[in-house]
Amino acid sequence: MNKKTLDKKELVQKFRTEGILDAARRVIAMNGLDKTTMEQVAAEAGISKATIYLYFKNKQALYFHCVMDRFDTIIAEMKKAADGIADPMKKIETLITTQVREIEKERDFHKVFLTESMAIFFDRTTGFGQEFAKRHDEFTGLVCAALKDAMDKGMLREMDPVKCFSLLFSMVRGMAMCKMVCDDKTPLSSETGMILDVFLNGLRVRE
């Protein structure tokens, strides 16, 4: 009986939290983080502001969980897309293509993430920073494993996989930022082929 009650409470909490996060991402994407208020999020979610505070301490915590929720979704989709792919080069392409596609799904929200209040995610002395680091390490590990596999099989030159990943990540982020700054409305996915071509050909084993 207690277990059923607990499960029901957890289900209600999950449903409520997901609804708040979805509403918050829409408001933040539209207004930017600085101009977003808890009142606006509450109105978008169709609940009272007091209800939001039952789940999130303040706007910073709400924003943090919005980013973590998106990060979890992106990682899950990357894992699913790459599952069962034996060819490491194909796996690298699939992982990055999936990452880019997921970024495009909430382009305006990711624009806010890339341009506002990033400091809370990179300070590893805080709880926020430590949680973000876990997600980022998992994300890094997915691509690094594929890069290392390709190197071990002689498809790519032997280099530090982590540094190679950092370069690839910077290329994707840089292209995304360029599109945002230049107000380029063409999808980021249209540049994936070019990014991968430049990156992989730079690492490819020379005959």
N, C-alpha and C. Protein backbone atom coordinates (compact mmCIF):
# COMPACT_ATOMS: atom_id res chain seq x y z
N MET A 1 0.84 -1.21 0.00
CA MET A 1 0.00 0.00 0.00
C MET A 1 0.87 1.26 0.00
N ASN A 2 1.87 1.24 0.86
CA ASN A 2 2.77 2.39 0.90
C ASN A 2 3.52 2.56 -0.40
N LYS A 3 3.93 1.40 -1.00
CA LYS A 3 4.67 1.46 -2.25
C LYS A 3 3.82 2.07 -3.36
N LYS A 4 2.51 1.68 -3.43
CA LYS A 4 1.61 2.22 -4.44
C LYS A 4 1.45 3.73 -4.27
N THR A 5 1.30 4.16 -3.01
CA THR A 5 1.16 5.58 -2.73
C THR A 5 2.41 6.34 -3.15
N LEU A 6 3.58 5.77 -2.84
CA LEU A 6 4.84 6.40 -3.19
C LEU A 6 5.01 6.48 -4.70
N ASP A 7 4.69 5.39 -5.39
CA ASP A 7 4.80 5.37 -6.84
C ASP A 7 3.89 6.42 -7.47
N LYS A 8 2.71 6.54 -6.94
CA LYS A 8 1.76 7.53 -7.47
C LYS A 8 2.28 8.94 -7.25
N LYS A 9 2.85 9.19 -6.07
CA LYS A 9 3.41 10.51 -5.78
C LYS A 9 4.57 10.81 -6.72
N GLU A 10 5.41 9.81 -6.94
CA GLU A 10 6.55 10.00 -7.84
C GLU A 10 6.09 10.28 -9.26
N LEU A 11 5.03 9.59 -9.67
CA LEU A 11 4.50 9.80 -11.02
C LEU A 11 3.94 11.20 -11.17
N VAL A 12 3.20 11.66 -10.18
CA VAL A 12 2.63 13.01 -10.21
C VAL A 12 3.75 14.05 -10.21
N GLN A 13 4.78 13.82 -9.38
CA GLN A 13 5.90 14.76 -9.32
C GLN A 13 6.63 14.82 -10.66
N LYS A 14 6.84 13.66 -11.28
CA LYS A 14 7.53 13.61 -12.57
C LYS A 14 6.72 14.37 -13.63
N PHE A 15 5.42 14.12 -13.65
CA PHE A 15 4.55 14.79 -14.61
C PHE A 15 4.57 16.30 -14.39
N ARG A 16 4.46 16.72 -13.15
CA ARG A 16 4.44 18.14 -12.83
C ARG A 16 5.78 18.80 -13.17
N THR A 17 6.88 18.12 -12.80
CA THR A 17 8.21 18.68 -13.08
C THR A 17 8.46 18.82 -14.57
N GLU A 18 8.10 17.80 -15.34
CA GLU A 18 8.31 17.86 -16.78
C GLU A 18 7.50 18.98 -17.40
N GLY A 19 6.28 19.18 -16.91
CA GLY A 19 5.44 20.26 -17.43
C GLY A 19 6.04 21.63 -17.15
N ILE A 20 6.58 21.80 -15.95
CA ILE A 20 7.21 23.08 -15.58
C ILE A 20 8.45 23.32 -16.44
N LEU A 21 9.27 22.29 -16.61
CA LEU A 21 10.50 22.44 -17.40
C LEU A 21 10.19 22.75 -18.86
N ASP A 22 9.20 22.09 -19.42
CA ASP A 22 8.80 22.37 -20.80
C ASP A 22 8.35 23.82 -20.95
N ALA A 23 7.53 24.27 -20.00
CA ALA A 23 7.04 25.65 -20.04
C ALA A 23 8.19 26.64 -19.87
N ALA A 24 9.10 26.33 -18.95
CA ALA A 24 10.24 27.22 -18.69
C ALA A 24 11.12 27.35 -19.92
N ARG A 25 11.37 26.24 -20.61
CA ARG A 25 12.22 26.31 -21.81
C ARG A 25 11.57 27.17 -22.89
N ARG A 26 10.26 27.06 -23.02
CA ARG A 26 9.57 27.88 -24.03
C ARG A 26 9.68 29.37 -23.69
N VAL A 27 9.48 29.69 -22.43
CA VAL A 27 9.53 31.11 -22.01
C VAL A 27 10.95 31.64 -22.12
N ILE A 28 11.92 30.86 -21.67
CA ILE A 28 13.32 31.28 -21.74
C ILE A 28 13.76 31.45 -23.19
N ALA A 29 13.33 30.54 -24.05
CA ALA A 29 13.68 30.63 -25.47
C ALA A 29 13.11 31.89 -26.09
N MET A 30 11.95 32.29 -25.66
CA MET A 30 11.27 33.46 -26.23
C MET A 30 11.80 34.78 -25.66
N ASN A 31 12.07 34.80 -24.35
CA ASN A 31 12.42 36.06 -23.67
C ASN A 31 13.89 36.21 -23.32
N GLY A 32 14.64 35.09 -23.32
CA GLY A 32 15.98 35.13 -22.77
C GLY A 32 15.92 34.89 -21.27
N LEU A 33 17.01 34.45 -20.69
CA LEU A 33 17.00 34.10 -19.27
C LEU A 33 16.79 35.31 -18.37
N ASP A 34 17.47 36.40 -18.63
CA ASP A 34 17.40 37.57 -17.75
C ASP A 34 16.00 38.14 -17.67
N LYS A 35 15.27 38.12 -18.77
CA LYS A 35 13.94 38.72 -18.80
C LYS A 35 12.83 37.75 -18.43
N THR A 36 13.17 36.50 -18.21
CA THR A 36 12.18 35.51 -17.82
C THR A 36 11.86 35.63 -16.33
N THR A 37 10.59 35.56 -15.99
CA THR A 37 10.18 35.60 -14.59
C THR A 37 9.44 34.31 -14.24
N MET A 38 9.40 34.02 -12.97
CA MET A 38 8.68 32.84 -12.51
C MET A 38 7.18 32.97 -12.78
N GLU A 39 6.69 34.21 -12.76
CA GLU A 39 5.27 34.45 -13.07
C GLU A 39 4.96 34.05 -14.51
N GLN A 40 5.88 34.37 -15.43
CA GLN A 40 5.68 34.01 -16.83
C GLN A 40 5.69 32.50 -17.02
N VAL A 41 6.60 31.83 -16.34
CA VAL A 41 6.67 30.37 -16.44
C VAL A 41 5.41 29.74 -15.88
N ALA A 42 4.94 30.26 -14.75
CA ALA A 42 3.72 29.74 -14.14
C ALA A 42 2.53 29.90 -15.08
N ALA A 43 2.43 31.06 -15.71
CA ALA A 43 1.33 31.30 -16.64
C ALA A 43 1.41 30.35 -17.83
N GLU A 44 2.61 30.13 -18.34
CA GLU A 44 2.80 29.23 -19.47
C GLU A 44 2.45 27.78 -19.11
N ALA A 45 2.78 27.41 -17.86
CA ALA A 45 2.51 26.04 -17.40
C ALA A 45 1.08 25.86 -16.92
N GLY A 46 0.37 26.97 -16.72
CA GLY A 46 -1.01 26.89 -16.24
C GLY A 46 -1.11 26.51 -14.78
N ILE A 47 -0.14 26.96 -14.00
CA ILE A 47 -0.13 26.67 -12.57
C ILE A 47 0.21 27.96 -11.82
N SER A 48 0.17 27.89 -10.49
CA SER A 48 0.53 29.06 -9.69
C SER A 48 2.05 29.14 -9.52
N LYS A 49 2.55 30.34 -9.28
CA LYS A 49 3.98 30.51 -9.02
C LYS A 49 4.40 29.72 -7.79
N ALA A 50 3.51 29.67 -6.80
CA ALA A 50 3.83 28.93 -5.57
C ALA A 50 4.08 27.46 -5.86
N THR A 51 3.39 26.90 -6.84
CA THR A 51 3.58 25.50 -7.19
C THR A 51 4.98 25.27 -7.74
N ILE A 52 5.48 26.20 -8.54
CA ILE A 52 6.83 26.07 -9.09
C ILE A 52 7.85 26.00 -7.96
N TYR A 53 7.65 26.82 -6.93
CA TYR A 53 8.60 26.86 -5.83
C TYR A 53 8.58 25.59 -4.98
N LEU A 54 7.56 24.76 -5.16
CA LEU A 54 7.55 23.46 -4.49
C LEU A 54 8.61 22.53 -5.09
N TYR A 55 8.95 22.78 -6.34
CA TYR A 55 9.88 21.90 -7.07
C TYR A 55 11.24 22.54 -7.35
N PHE A 56 11.28 23.86 -7.45
CA PHE A 56 12.51 24.55 -7.80
C PHE A 56 12.70 25.75 -6.87
N LYS A 57 13.87 25.83 -6.28
CA LYS A 57 14.14 26.85 -5.25
C LYS A 57 14.06 28.26 -5.80
N ASN A 58 14.59 28.48 -7.01
CA ASN A 58 14.62 29.81 -7.61
C ASN A 58 14.78 29.69 -9.12
N LYS A 59 14.88 30.81 -9.79
CA LYS A 59 14.97 30.79 -11.26
C LYS A 59 16.26 30.13 -11.73
N GLN A 60 17.34 30.33 -11.00
CA GLN A 60 18.60 29.72 -11.37
C GLN A 60 18.50 28.19 -11.34
N ALA A 61 17.87 27.67 -10.29
CA ALA A 61 17.69 26.22 -10.18
C ALA A 61 16.79 25.70 -11.29
N LEU A 62 15.76 26.45 -11.60
CA LEU A 62 14.84 26.06 -12.68
C LEU A 62 15.58 26.00 -14.01
N TYR A 63 16.37 27.02 -14.28
CA TYR A 63 17.13 27.07 -15.53
C TYR A 63 18.14 25.92 -15.58
N PHE A 64 18.81 25.67 -14.48
CA PHE A 64 19.78 24.58 -14.43
C PHE A 64 19.13 23.25 -14.80
N HIS A 65 17.96 22.99 -14.22
CA HIS A 65 17.28 21.73 -14.50
C HIS A 65 16.73 21.68 -15.92
N CYS A 66 16.41 22.82 -16.49
CA CYS A 66 16.02 22.86 -17.91
C CYS A 66 17.17 22.38 -18.78
N VAL A 67 18.37 22.88 -18.49
CA VAL A 67 19.55 22.49 -19.26
C VAL A 67 19.88 21.02 -19.03
N MET A 68 19.81 20.56 -17.79
CA MET A 68 20.11 19.16 -17.50
C MET A 68 19.12 18.22 -18.19
N ASP A 69 17.87 18.63 -18.22
CA ASP A 69 16.85 17.81 -18.86
C ASP A 69 17.13 17.68 -20.36
N ARG A 70 17.53 18.78 -20.99
CA ARG A 70 17.88 18.73 -22.41
C ARG A 70 19.12 17.89 -22.63
N PHE A 71 20.11 18.04 -21.76
CA PHE A 71 21.35 17.27 -21.88
C PHE A 71 21.05 15.78 -21.76
N ASP A 72 20.20 15.40 -20.81
CA ASP A 72 19.84 14.00 -20.64
C ASP A 72 19.15 13.45 -21.88
N THR A 73 18.27 14.26 -22.47
CA THR A 73 17.57 13.83 -23.68
C THR A 73 18.54 13.64 -24.84
N ILE A 74 19.45 14.59 -25.01
CA ILE A 74 20.43 14.51 -26.10
C ILE A 74 21.30 13.26 -25.94
N ILE A 75 21.79 13.00 -24.73
CA ILE A 75 22.63 11.83 -24.49
C ILE A 75 21.85 10.55 -24.77
N ALA A 76 20.61 10.49 -24.32
CA ALA A 76 19.79 9.29 -24.54
C ALA A 76 19.55 9.05 -26.03
N GLU A 77 19.28 10.12 -26.78
CA GLU A 77 19.04 9.98 -28.21
C GLU A 77 20.32 9.58 -28.94
N MET A 78 21.47 10.10 -28.51
CA MET A 78 22.74 9.72 -29.13
C MET A 78 23.02 8.24 -28.90
N LYS A 79 22.80 7.78 -27.67
CA LYS A 79 23.02 6.36 -27.37
C LYS A 79 22.11 5.47 -28.21
N LYS A 80 20.86 5.85 -28.29
CA LYS A 80 19.90 5.05 -29.04
C LYS A 80 20.26 5.00 -30.52
N ALA A 81 20.64 6.15 -31.09
CA ALA A 81 20.95 6.21 -32.52
C ALA A 81 22.20 5.40 -32.86
N ALA A 82 23.18 5.39 -31.95
CA ALA A 82 24.46 4.72 -32.23
C ALA A 82 24.47 3.25 -31.82
N ASP A 83 23.44 2.82 -31.12
CA ASP A 83 23.39 1.44 -30.61
C ASP A 83 23.47 0.44 -31.77
N GLY A 84 24.38 -0.49 -31.67
CA GLY A 84 24.49 -1.55 -32.67
C GLY A 84 25.34 -1.20 -33.88
N ILE A 85 25.84 0.02 -33.98
CA ILE A 85 26.68 0.40 -35.12
C ILE A 85 28.12 -0.04 -34.82
N ALA A 86 28.63 -0.94 -35.66
CA ALA A 86 29.97 -1.48 -35.43
C ALA A 86 31.07 -0.61 -36.03
N ASP A 87 30.79 0.02 -37.15
CA ASP A 87 31.78 0.84 -37.83
C ASP A 87 32.00 2.13 -37.03
N PRO A 88 33.19 2.33 -36.46
CA PRO A 88 33.41 3.51 -35.62
C PRO A 88 33.25 4.83 -36.36
N MET A 89 33.60 4.88 -37.65
CA MET A 89 33.45 6.10 -38.41
C MET A 89 31.97 6.44 -38.59
N LYS A 90 31.19 5.42 -38.86
CA LYS A 90 29.74 5.60 -38.98
C LYS A 90 29.15 6.01 -37.64
N LYS A 91 29.69 5.45 -36.56
CA LYS A 91 29.19 5.78 -35.22
C LYS A 91 29.48 7.24 -34.89
N ILE A 92 30.68 7.72 -35.22
CA ILE A 92 31.02 9.13 -34.98
C ILE A 92 30.05 10.03 -35.74
N GLU A 93 29.82 9.72 -37.01
CA GLU A 93 28.90 10.50 -37.83
C GLU A 93 27.50 10.50 -37.24
N THR A 94 27.05 9.34 -36.78
CA THR A 94 25.70 9.21 -36.21
C THR A 94 25.57 10.00 -34.91
N LEU A 95 26.58 9.92 -34.06
CA LEU A 95 26.55 10.63 -32.78
C LEU A 95 26.45 12.13 -32.98
N ILE A 96 27.28 12.67 -33.88
CA ILE A 96 27.29 14.11 -34.10
C ILE A 96 26.03 14.56 -34.82
N THR A 97 25.58 13.79 -35.79
CA THR A 97 24.35 14.13 -36.51
C THR A 97 23.16 14.17 -35.55
N THR A 98 23.12 13.22 -34.63
CA THR A 98 22.04 13.17 -33.64
C THR A 98 22.13 14.35 -32.69
N GLN A 99 23.32 14.66 -32.24
CA GLN A 99 23.52 15.82 -31.35
C GLN A 99 23.00 17.09 -32.01
N VAL A 100 23.39 17.30 -33.25
CA VAL A 100 22.99 18.51 -33.97
C VAL A 100 21.47 18.55 -34.17
N ARG A 101 20.89 17.41 -34.50
CA ARG A 101 19.44 17.35 -34.69
C ARG A 101 18.71 17.71 -33.41
N GLU A 102 19.21 17.24 -32.28
CA GLU A 102 18.57 17.53 -30.99
C GLU A 102 18.73 19.00 -30.62
N ILE A 103 19.86 19.60 -30.96
CA ILE A 103 20.04 21.04 -30.72
C ILE A 103 19.01 21.83 -31.51
N GLU A 104 18.78 21.41 -32.75
CA GLU A 104 17.84 22.14 -33.61
C GLU A 104 16.40 22.07 -33.12
N LYS A 105 16.07 21.01 -32.39
CA LYS A 105 14.70 20.85 -31.90
C LYS A 105 14.30 21.99 -30.98
N GLU A 106 15.27 22.53 -30.24
CA GLU A 106 15.00 23.67 -29.35
C GLU A 106 16.09 24.71 -29.57
N ARG A 107 16.19 25.16 -30.80
CA ARG A 107 17.26 26.07 -31.22
C ARG A 107 17.32 27.33 -30.36
N ASP A 108 16.18 27.97 -30.12
CA ASP A 108 16.18 29.23 -29.39
C ASP A 108 16.60 29.05 -27.93
N PHE A 109 16.22 27.91 -27.35
CA PHE A 109 16.65 27.65 -25.98
C PHE A 109 18.17 27.42 -25.93
N HIS A 110 18.69 26.68 -26.88
CA HIS A 110 20.13 26.44 -26.92
C HIS A 110 20.90 27.73 -27.19
N LYS A 111 20.28 28.64 -27.90
CA LYS A 111 20.90 29.95 -28.11
C LYS A 111 21.10 30.65 -26.78
N VAL A 112 20.10 30.58 -25.92
CA VAL A 112 20.21 31.19 -24.58
C VAL A 112 21.33 30.50 -23.79
N PHE A 113 21.36 29.17 -23.85
CA PHE A 113 22.39 28.41 -23.13
C PHE A 113 23.80 28.82 -23.58
N LEU A 114 23.97 29.03 -24.87
CA LEU A 114 25.30 29.35 -25.40
C LEU A 114 25.70 30.81 -25.18
N THR A 115 24.74 31.66 -24.87
CA THR A 115 25.06 33.09 -24.78
C THR A 115 24.79 33.72 -23.41
N GLU A 116 24.09 33.02 -22.51
CA GLU A 116 23.77 33.61 -21.21
C GLU A 116 24.11 32.66 -20.05
N SER A 117 24.63 33.23 -18.98
CA SER A 117 24.77 32.54 -17.69
C SER A 117 25.34 31.13 -17.77
N MET A 118 26.48 30.97 -18.42
CA MET A 118 27.11 29.65 -18.50
C MET A 118 27.98 29.35 -17.30
N ALA A 119 28.30 30.38 -16.52
CA ALA A 119 29.26 30.22 -15.42
C ALA A 119 28.81 29.16 -14.41
N ILE A 120 27.51 29.06 -14.16
CA ILE A 120 27.04 28.11 -13.14
C ILE A 120 27.32 26.67 -13.53
N PHE A 121 27.52 26.41 -14.80
CA PHE A 121 27.73 25.03 -15.25
C PHE A 121 29.19 24.60 -15.20
N PHE A 122 30.10 25.55 -15.13
CA PHE A 122 31.52 25.20 -15.22
C PHE A 122 32.29 25.39 -13.92
N ASP A 123 31.59 25.75 -12.86
CA ASP A 123 32.22 25.85 -11.55
C ASP A 123 32.03 24.52 -10.82
N ARG A 124 33.07 23.68 -10.82
CA ARG A 124 32.94 22.34 -10.26
C ARG A 124 32.97 22.32 -8.74
N THR A 125 33.06 23.47 -8.12
CA THR A 125 33.00 23.52 -6.65
C THR A 125 31.55 23.58 -6.18
N THR A 126 30.60 23.74 -7.10
CA THR A 126 29.19 23.83 -6.74
C THR A 126 28.45 22.55 -7.13
N GLY A 127 27.29 22.35 -6.53
CA GLY A 127 26.47 21.20 -6.88
C GLY A 127 26.05 21.24 -8.34
N PHE A 128 25.70 22.43 -8.82
CA PHE A 128 25.31 22.58 -10.22
C PHE A 128 26.47 22.15 -11.13
N GLY A 129 27.65 22.67 -10.82
CA GLY A 129 28.82 22.38 -11.65
C GLY A 129 29.17 20.90 -11.65
N GLN A 130 29.04 20.27 -10.50
CA GLN A 130 29.37 18.84 -10.40
C GLN A 130 28.37 17.98 -11.17
N GLU A 131 27.10 18.33 -11.11
CA GLU A 131 26.10 17.59 -11.87
C GLU A 131 26.29 17.76 -13.37
N PHE A 132 26.60 18.99 -13.79
CA PHE A 132 26.85 19.25 -15.20
C PHE A 132 28.08 18.48 -15.67
N ALA A 133 29.11 18.42 -14.83
CA ALA A 133 30.34 17.72 -15.19
C ALA A 133 30.07 16.24 -15.46
N LYS A 134 29.19 15.63 -14.66
CA LYS A 134 28.85 14.22 -14.87
C LYS A 134 28.24 14.01 -16.24
N ARG A 135 27.29 14.90 -16.61
CA ARG A 135 26.65 14.77 -17.93
C ARG A 135 27.66 15.01 -19.05
N HIS A 136 28.50 16.03 -18.86
CA HIS A 136 29.46 16.35 -19.90
C HIS A 136 30.48 15.22 -20.06
N ASP A 137 30.89 14.60 -18.96
CA ASP A 137 31.84 13.49 -19.04
C ASP A 137 31.20 12.29 -19.76
N GLU A 138 29.93 12.05 -19.51
CA GLU A 138 29.23 10.96 -20.19
C GLU A 138 29.12 11.24 -21.69
N PHE A 139 28.78 12.47 -22.02
CA PHE A 139 28.68 12.91 -23.41
C PHE A 139 30.04 12.78 -24.10
N THR A 140 31.09 13.24 -23.43
CA THR A 140 32.44 13.15 -23.97
C THR A 140 32.83 11.69 -24.21
N GLY A 141 32.50 10.83 -23.25
CA GLY A 141 32.86 9.42 -23.34
C GLY A 141 32.26 8.73 -24.55
N LEU A 142 31.04 9.09 -24.92
CA LEU A 142 30.39 8.47 -26.07
C LEU A 142 31.20 8.68 -27.34
N VAL A 143 31.58 9.93 -27.59
CA VAL A 143 32.30 10.26 -28.81
C VAL A 143 33.75 9.79 -28.73
N CYS A 144 34.37 9.94 -27.57
CA CYS A 144 35.77 9.53 -27.41
C CYS A 144 35.94 8.03 -27.64
N ALA A 145 34.98 7.24 -27.19
CA ALA A 145 35.06 5.79 -27.37
C ALA A 145 35.06 5.44 -28.85
N ALA A 146 34.21 6.14 -29.62
CA ALA A 146 34.16 5.88 -31.06
C ALA A 146 35.44 6.34 -31.75
N LEU A 147 35.97 7.48 -31.32
CA LEU A 147 37.22 7.97 -31.88
C LEU A 147 38.37 7.01 -31.58
N LYS A 148 38.44 6.53 -30.33
CA LYS A 148 39.49 5.60 -29.95
C LYS A 148 39.38 4.30 -30.73
N ASP A 149 38.17 3.83 -30.94
CA ASP A 149 37.94 2.61 -31.71
C ASP A 149 38.45 2.78 -33.15
N ALA A 150 38.14 3.93 -33.75
CA ALA A 150 38.60 4.20 -35.12
C ALA A 150 40.12 4.27 -35.18
N MET A 151 40.74 4.83 -34.15
CA MET A 151 42.21 4.89 -34.09
C MET A 151 42.80 3.50 -33.94
N ASP A 152 42.21 2.70 -33.06
CA ASP A 152 42.71 1.35 -32.83
C ASP A 152 42.61 0.49 -34.08
N LYS A 153 41.63 0.78 -34.93
CA LYS A 153 41.43 0.01 -36.16
C LYS A 153 42.18 0.60 -37.35
N GLY A 154 42.98 1.63 -37.09
CA GLY A 154 43.80 2.20 -38.14
C GLY A 154 43.07 3.10 -39.10
N MET A 155 41.86 3.52 -38.74
CA MET A 155 41.08 4.40 -39.62
C MET A 155 41.45 5.87 -39.41
N LEU A 156 41.84 6.20 -38.19
CA LEU A 156 42.26 7.56 -37.85
C LEU A 156 43.65 7.51 -37.22
N ARG A 157 44.38 8.60 -37.34
CA ARG A 157 45.70 8.67 -36.74
C ARG A 157 45.61 8.62 -35.21
N GLU A 158 46.62 8.07 -34.59
CA GLU A 158 46.67 7.97 -33.14
C GLU A 158 46.90 9.36 -32.55
N MET A 159 45.91 9.86 -31.84
CA MET A 159 46.01 11.14 -31.14
C MET A 159 45.21 11.02 -29.86
N ASP A 160 45.28 12.03 -29.01
CA ASP A 160 44.52 12.02 -27.77
C ASP A 160 43.03 12.14 -28.10
N PRO A 161 42.21 11.11 -27.84
CA PRO A 161 40.79 11.15 -28.20
C PRO A 161 40.03 12.29 -27.52
N VAL A 162 40.42 12.60 -26.27
CA VAL A 162 39.72 13.67 -25.54
C VAL A 162 39.97 15.01 -26.20
N LYS A 163 41.22 15.26 -26.59
CA LYS A 163 41.53 16.51 -27.27
C LYS A 163 40.86 16.58 -28.64
N CYS A 164 40.82 15.43 -29.31
CA CYS A 164 40.14 15.38 -30.61
C CYS A 164 38.65 15.68 -30.44
N PHE A 165 38.05 15.10 -29.39
CA PHE A 165 36.65 15.39 -29.12
C PHE A 165 36.44 16.87 -28.84
N SER A 166 37.33 17.46 -28.05
CA SER A 166 37.22 18.89 -27.73
C SER A 166 37.22 19.74 -28.99
N LEU A 167 38.07 19.36 -29.94
CA LEU A 167 38.13 20.08 -31.21
C LEU A 167 36.82 19.93 -31.98
N LEU A 168 36.30 18.71 -32.05
CA LEU A 168 35.05 18.47 -32.77
C LEU A 168 33.89 19.20 -32.10
N PHE A 169 33.85 19.14 -30.77
CA PHE A 169 32.80 19.83 -30.02
C PHE A 169 32.85 21.34 -30.28
N SER A 170 34.06 21.86 -30.31
CA SER A 170 34.23 23.30 -30.56
C SER A 170 33.78 23.67 -31.97
N MET A 171 33.98 22.79 -32.91
CA MET A 171 33.54 23.05 -34.29
C MET A 171 32.02 23.13 -34.37
N VAL A 172 31.34 22.19 -33.70
CA VAL A 172 29.87 22.19 -33.71
C VAL A 172 29.35 23.43 -32.99
N ARG A 173 29.89 23.71 -31.81
CA ARG A 173 29.44 24.86 -31.05
C ARG A 173 29.75 26.16 -31.78
N GLY A 174 30.93 26.23 -32.39
CA GLY A 174 31.31 27.43 -33.13
C GLY A 174 30.40 27.70 -34.30
N MET A 175 30.03 26.64 -35.03
CA MET A 175 29.11 26.81 -36.15
C MET A 175 27.73 27.26 -35.66
N ALA A 176 27.29 26.67 -34.54
CA ALA A 176 26.00 27.06 -33.97
C ALA A 176 26.02 28.53 -33.56
N MET A 177 27.09 28.96 -32.89
CA MET A 177 27.22 30.35 -32.47
C MET A 177 27.25 31.29 -33.68
N CYS A 178 27.96 30.89 -34.72
CA CYS A 178 28.06 31.71 -35.92
C CYS A 178 26.68 31.94 -36.52
N LYS A 179 25.87 30.89 -36.58
CA LYS A 179 24.53 31.01 -37.14
C LYS A 179 23.66 31.93 -36.28
N MET A 180 23.84 31.83 -34.96
CA MET A 180 23.04 32.66 -34.07
C MET A 180 23.44 34.13 -34.18
N VAL A 181 24.74 34.38 -34.16
CA VAL A 181 25.23 35.76 -34.22
C VAL A 181 24.87 36.42 -35.55
N CYS A 182 24.96 35.63 -36.62
CA CYS A 182 24.68 36.16 -37.96
C CYS A 182 23.21 36.05 -38.33
N ASP A 183 22.39 35.55 -37.39
CA ASP A 183 20.96 35.35 -37.62
C ASP A 183 20.72 34.51 -38.88
N ASP A 184 21.54 33.50 -39.03
CA ASP A 184 21.42 32.57 -40.16
C ASP A 184 20.35 31.54 -39.81
N LYS A 185 19.25 31.52 -40.53
CA LYS A 185 18.12 30.66 -40.20
C LYS A 185 18.25 29.26 -40.79
N THR A 186 19.26 29.03 -41.64
CA THR A 186 19.42 27.69 -42.20
C THR A 186 19.77 26.71 -41.08
N PRO A 187 19.29 25.49 -41.18
CA PRO A 187 19.50 24.54 -40.08
C PRO A 187 20.96 24.19 -39.88
N LEU A 188 21.33 24.00 -38.63
CA LEU A 188 22.70 23.61 -38.30
C LEU A 188 23.05 22.29 -38.95
N SER A 189 22.05 21.42 -39.11
CA SER A 189 22.29 20.11 -39.71
C SER A 189 22.80 20.21 -41.15
N SER A 190 22.54 21.34 -41.80
CA SER A 190 23.03 21.50 -43.17
C SER A 190 24.55 21.64 -43.22
N GLU A 191 25.16 21.91 -42.06
CA GLU A 191 26.61 22.08 -41.99
C GLU A 191 27.31 20.86 -41.39
N THR A 192 26.53 19.86 -40.97
CA THR A 192 27.13 18.70 -40.30
C THR A 192 28.13 17.99 -41.20
N GLY A 193 27.76 17.82 -42.47
CA GLY A 193 28.65 17.14 -43.41
C GLY A 193 29.98 17.84 -43.54
N MET A 194 29.95 19.17 -43.63
CA MET A 194 31.18 19.93 -43.76
C MET A 194 32.04 19.81 -42.50
N ILE A 195 31.40 19.92 -41.33
CA ILE A 195 32.14 19.80 -40.07
C ILE A 195 32.84 18.45 -39.98
N LEU A 196 32.10 17.38 -40.26
CA LEU A 196 32.66 16.04 -40.16
C LEU A 196 33.74 15.81 -41.21
N ASP A 197 33.52 16.36 -42.40
CA ASP A 197 34.50 16.20 -43.47
C ASP A 197 35.83 16.84 -43.10
N VAL A 198 35.76 18.08 -42.62
CA VAL A 198 36.98 18.79 -42.22
C VAL A 198 37.66 18.09 -41.04
N PHE A 199 36.86 17.69 -40.05
CA PHE A 199 37.42 17.06 -38.86
C PHE A 199 38.02 15.69 -39.16
N LEU A 200 37.25 14.81 -39.80
CA LEU A 200 37.71 13.44 -40.03
C LEU A 200 38.84 13.37 -41.06
N ASN A 201 38.78 14.21 -42.07
CA ASN A 201 39.88 14.19 -43.06
C ASN A 201 41.17 14.72 -42.45
N GLY A 202 41.04 15.59 -41.47
CA GLY A 202 42.24 16.07 -40.78
C GLY A 202 42.89 14.98 -39.94
N LEU A 203 42.07 14.02 -39.47
CA LEU A 203 42.58 12.94 -38.63
C LEU A 203 42.85 11.65 -39.41
N ARG A 204 42.32 11.57 -40.62
CA ARG A 204 42.39 10.32 -41.36
C ARG A 204 43.83 9.87 -41.61
N VAL A 205 44.04 8.58 -41.55
CA VAL A 205 45.36 8.03 -41.82
C VAL A 205 45.74 8.29 -43.27
N ARG A 206 46.92 8.83 -43.48
CA ARG A 206 47.38 9.13 -44.83
C ARG A 206 48.05 7.92 -45.46
N GLU A 207 47.70 7.68 -46.70
CA GLU A 207 48.28 6.53 -47.43
C GLU A 207 49.75 6.81 -47.75
